[in-house]
C-alpha atoms as a PDB file:
ATOM      1  CA  UNK A   1     136.009 110.192 141.616  1.00  0.00           C
ATOM      2  CA  UNK A   2     135.545 113.433 143.511  1.00  0.00           C
ATOM      3  CA  UNK A   3     134.651 116.466 141.396  1.00  0.00           C
ATOM      4  CA  UNK A   4     135.760 119.866 142.988  1.00  0.00           C
ATOM      5  CA  UNK A   5     134.006 122.829 141.668  1.00  0.00           C
ATOM      6  CA  UNK A   6     135.078 126.502 142.408  1.00  0.00           C
ATOM      7  CA  UNK A   7     133.937 129.790 141.246  1.00  0.00           C
ATOM      8  CA  UNK A   8     136.431 131.952 139.470  1.00  0.00           C
ATOM      9  CA  UNK A   9     134.783 135.308 139.250  1.00  0.00           C
ATOM     10  CA  UNK A  10     137.617 137.000 137.270  1.00  0.00           C
ATOM     11  CA  UNK A  11     136.972 134.448 134.494  1.00  0.00           C
ATOM     12  CA  UNK A  12     133.231 134.678 134.968  1.00  0.00           C
ATOM     13  CA  UNK A  13     132.948 130.938 135.225  1.00  0.00           C
ATOM     14  CA  UNK A  14     132.823 127.893 137.506  1.00  0.00           C
ATOM     15  CA  UNK A  15     135.620 125.425 137.018  1.00  0.00           C
ATOM     16  CA  UNK A  16     135.589 121.694 137.873  1.00  0.00           C
ATOM     17  CA  UNK A  17     138.591 119.521 138.477  1.00  0.00           C
ATOM     18  CA  UNK A  18     138.690 115.732 139.106  1.00  0.00           C
ATOM     19  CA  UNK A  19     140.660 113.746 141.676  1.00  0.00           C
ATOM     20  CA  UNK A  20     142.608 116.812 142.665  1.00  0.00           C
ATOM     21  CA  UNK A  21     144.151 117.265 139.191  1.00  0.00           C
ATOM     22  CA  UNK A  22     145.182 120.797 138.062  1.00  0.00           C
ATOM     23  CA  UNK A  23     143.715 120.269 134.643  1.00  0.00           C
ATOM     24  CA  UNK A  24     140.176 121.845 134.226  1.00  0.00           C
ATOM     25  CA  UNK A  25     137.653 119.089 133.410  1.00  0.00           C
ATOM     26  CA  UNK A  26     134.806 121.439 132.801  1.00  0.00           C
ATOM     27  CA  UNK A  27     133.500 124.987 132.939  1.00  0.00           C
ATOM     28  CA  UNK A  28     130.250 126.840 133.283  1.00  0.00           C
ATOM     29  CA  UNK A  29     130.338 130.402 132.096  1.00  0.00           C
ATOM     30  CA  UNK A  30     128.107 133.048 133.502  1.00  0.00           C
ATOM     31  CA  UNK A  31     126.950 136.624 133.479  1.00  0.00           C
ATOM     32  CA  UNK A  32     126.086 138.031 136.955  1.00  0.00           C
ATOM     33  CA  UNK A  33     124.148 141.056 137.933  1.00  0.00           C
ATOM     34  CA  UNK A  34     122.983 142.156 141.313  1.00  0.00           C
ATOM     35  CA  UNK A  35     119.789 140.264 141.035  1.00  0.00           C
ATOM     36  CA  UNK A  36     120.390 137.557 138.364  1.00  0.00           C
ATOM     37  CA  UNK A  37     122.932 135.087 137.172  1.00  0.00           C
ATOM     38  CA  UNK A  38     122.633 133.811 133.660  1.00  0.00           C
ATOM     39  CA  UNK A  39     124.366 130.632 132.693  1.00  0.00           C
ATOM     40  CA  UNK A  40     125.429 130.823 129.102  1.00  0.00           C
ATOM     41  CA  UNK A  41     127.689 127.947 128.363  1.00  0.00           C
ATOM     42  CA  UNK A  42     128.772 124.694 129.904  1.00  0.00           C
ATOM     43  CA  UNK A  43     131.561 122.578 128.539  1.00  0.00           C
ATOM     44  CA  UNK A  44     133.095 119.264 129.789  1.00  0.00           C
ATOM     45  CA  UNK A  45     136.346 117.897 128.350  1.00  0.00           C
ATOM     46  CA  UNK A  46     135.686 114.702 126.256  1.00  0.00           C
ATOM     47  CA  UNK A  47     137.715 112.425 128.545  1.00  0.00           C
ATOM     48  CA  UNK A  48     135.513 113.510 131.509  1.00  0.00           C
ATOM     49  CA  UNK A  49     132.008 113.200 129.828  1.00  0.00           C
ATOM     50  CA  UNK A  50     129.689 110.996 131.623  1.00  0.00           C
ATOM     51  CA  UNK A  51     131.443 111.102 134.946  1.00  0.00           C
ATOM     52  CA  UNK A  52     129.280 113.738 136.668  1.00  0.00           C
ATOM     53  CA  UNK A  53     131.356 116.750 135.964  1.00  0.00           C
ATOM     54  CA  UNK A  54     128.540 118.668 134.336  1.00  0.00           C
ATOM     55  CA  UNK A  55     126.101 117.891 137.082  1.00  0.00           C
ATOM     56  CA  UNK A  56     128.666 118.869 139.782  1.00  0.00           C
ATOM     57  CA  UNK A  57     129.113 122.275 137.974  1.00  0.00           C
ATOM     58  CA  UNK A  58     125.447 122.938 137.784  1.00  0.00           C
ATOM     59  CA  UNK A  59     124.606 121.879 141.307  1.00  0.00           C
ATOM     60  CA  UNK A  60     127.359 123.944 142.808  1.00  0.00           C
ATOM     61  CA  UNK A  61     126.468 127.019 140.715  1.00  0.00           C
ATOM     62  CA  UNK A  62     122.859 126.752 141.612  1.00  0.00           C
ATOM     63  CA  UNK A  63     123.507 126.199 145.199  1.00  0.00           C
ATOM     64  CA  UNK A  64     125.571 129.401 145.274  1.00  0.00           C
ATOM     65  CA  UNK A  65     122.917 131.372 143.387  1.00  0.00           C
ATOM     66  CA  UNK A  66     120.325 130.125 146.099  1.00  0.00           C
ATOM     67  CA  UNK A  67     122.772 131.258 148.884  1.00  0.00           C
ATOM     68  CA  UNK A  68     123.295 134.720 147.225  1.00  0.00           C
ATOM     69  CA  UNK A  69     119.442 135.149 146.671  1.00  0.00           C
ATOM     70  CA  UNK A  70     119.978 135.349 142.880  1.00  0.00           C
ATOM     71  CA  UNK A  71     117.551 134.385 140.196  1.00  0.00           C
ATOM     72  CA  UNK A  72     118.671 132.087 137.456  1.00  0.00           C
ATOM     73  CA  UNK A  73     118.472 132.490 133.652  1.00  0.00           C
ATOM     74  CA  UNK A  74     119.403 129.298 132.127  1.00  0.00           C
ATOM     75  CA  UNK A  75     120.183 130.172 128.441  1.00  0.00           C
ATOM     76  CA  UNK A  76     122.681 127.196 128.360  1.00  0.00           C
ATOM     77  CA  UNK A  77     120.813 124.157 127.127  1.00  0.00           C
ATOM     78  CA  UNK A  78     122.737 121.866 129.624  1.00  0.00           C
ATOM     79  CA  UNK A  79     121.670 124.005 132.569  1.00  0.00           C
ATOM     80  CA  UNK A  80     118.070 124.213 131.368  1.00  0.00           C
ATOM     81  CA  UNK A  81     117.773 120.479 130.844  1.00  0.00           C
ATOM     82  CA  UNK A  82     119.354 119.707 134.214  1.00  0.00           C
ATOM     83  CA  UNK A  83     117.080 122.138 135.961  1.00  0.00           C
ATOM     84  CA  UNK A  84     114.003 120.635 134.256  1.00  0.00           C
ATOM     85  CA  UNK A  85     115.006 117.209 135.662  1.00  0.00           C
ATOM     86  CA  UNK A  86     115.551 118.568 139.221  1.00  0.00           C
ATOM     87  CA  UNK A  87     112.343 120.334 140.454  1.00  0.00           C
ATOM     88  CA  UNK A  88     113.991 121.310 143.716  1.00  0.00           C
ATOM     89  CA  UNK A  89     115.934 123.902 141.689  1.00  0.00           C
ATOM     90  CA  UNK A  90     113.113 125.261 139.583  1.00  0.00           C
ATOM     91  CA  UNK A  91     112.147 127.972 142.070  1.00  0.00           C
ATOM     92  CA  UNK A  92     115.435 129.732 141.135  1.00  0.00           C
ATOM     93  CA  UNK A  93     114.435 130.433 137.530  1.00  0.00           C
ATOM     94  CA  UNK A  94     113.929 133.909 136.573  1.00  0.00           C
ATOM     95  CA  UNK A  95     110.418 134.980 135.716  1.00  0.00           C
ATOM     96  CA  UNK A  96     109.793 138.139 133.941  1.00  0.00           C
ATOM     97  CA  UNK A  97     107.853 140.642 136.005  1.00  0.00           C
ATOM     98  CA  UNK A  98     106.779 142.853 133.080  1.00  0.00           C
ATOM     99  CA  UNK A  99     103.121 143.455 132.479  1.00  0.00           C
ATOM    100  CA  UNK A 100     103.291 143.982 128.806  1.00  0.00           C
ATOM    101  CA  UNK A 101     100.056 143.584 127.087  1.00  0.00           C
ATOM    102  CA  UNK A 102      99.403 143.429 123.378  1.00  0.00           C
END
């Protein structure tokens, strides 16, 4: 079951399709700036859950963030959990550079 993931910038999301179907199996919504991409919501249609759609969305989105030299803010719990289980992507995570002291 091949999962194809594409960026749809006009919708500010990645879309996943399975087996060449036209139906969208899952989406990952984002907000992008010049330096950062925040992944805010991921949703996989019930009939596609457990088939690797969510993982394919995350992997493609993070690979493209790395290529574009963007930091990642994973406000979406699915993205945050996936990254925590894949240490090879943890270097992408946004780290605040502020030196705020109390």
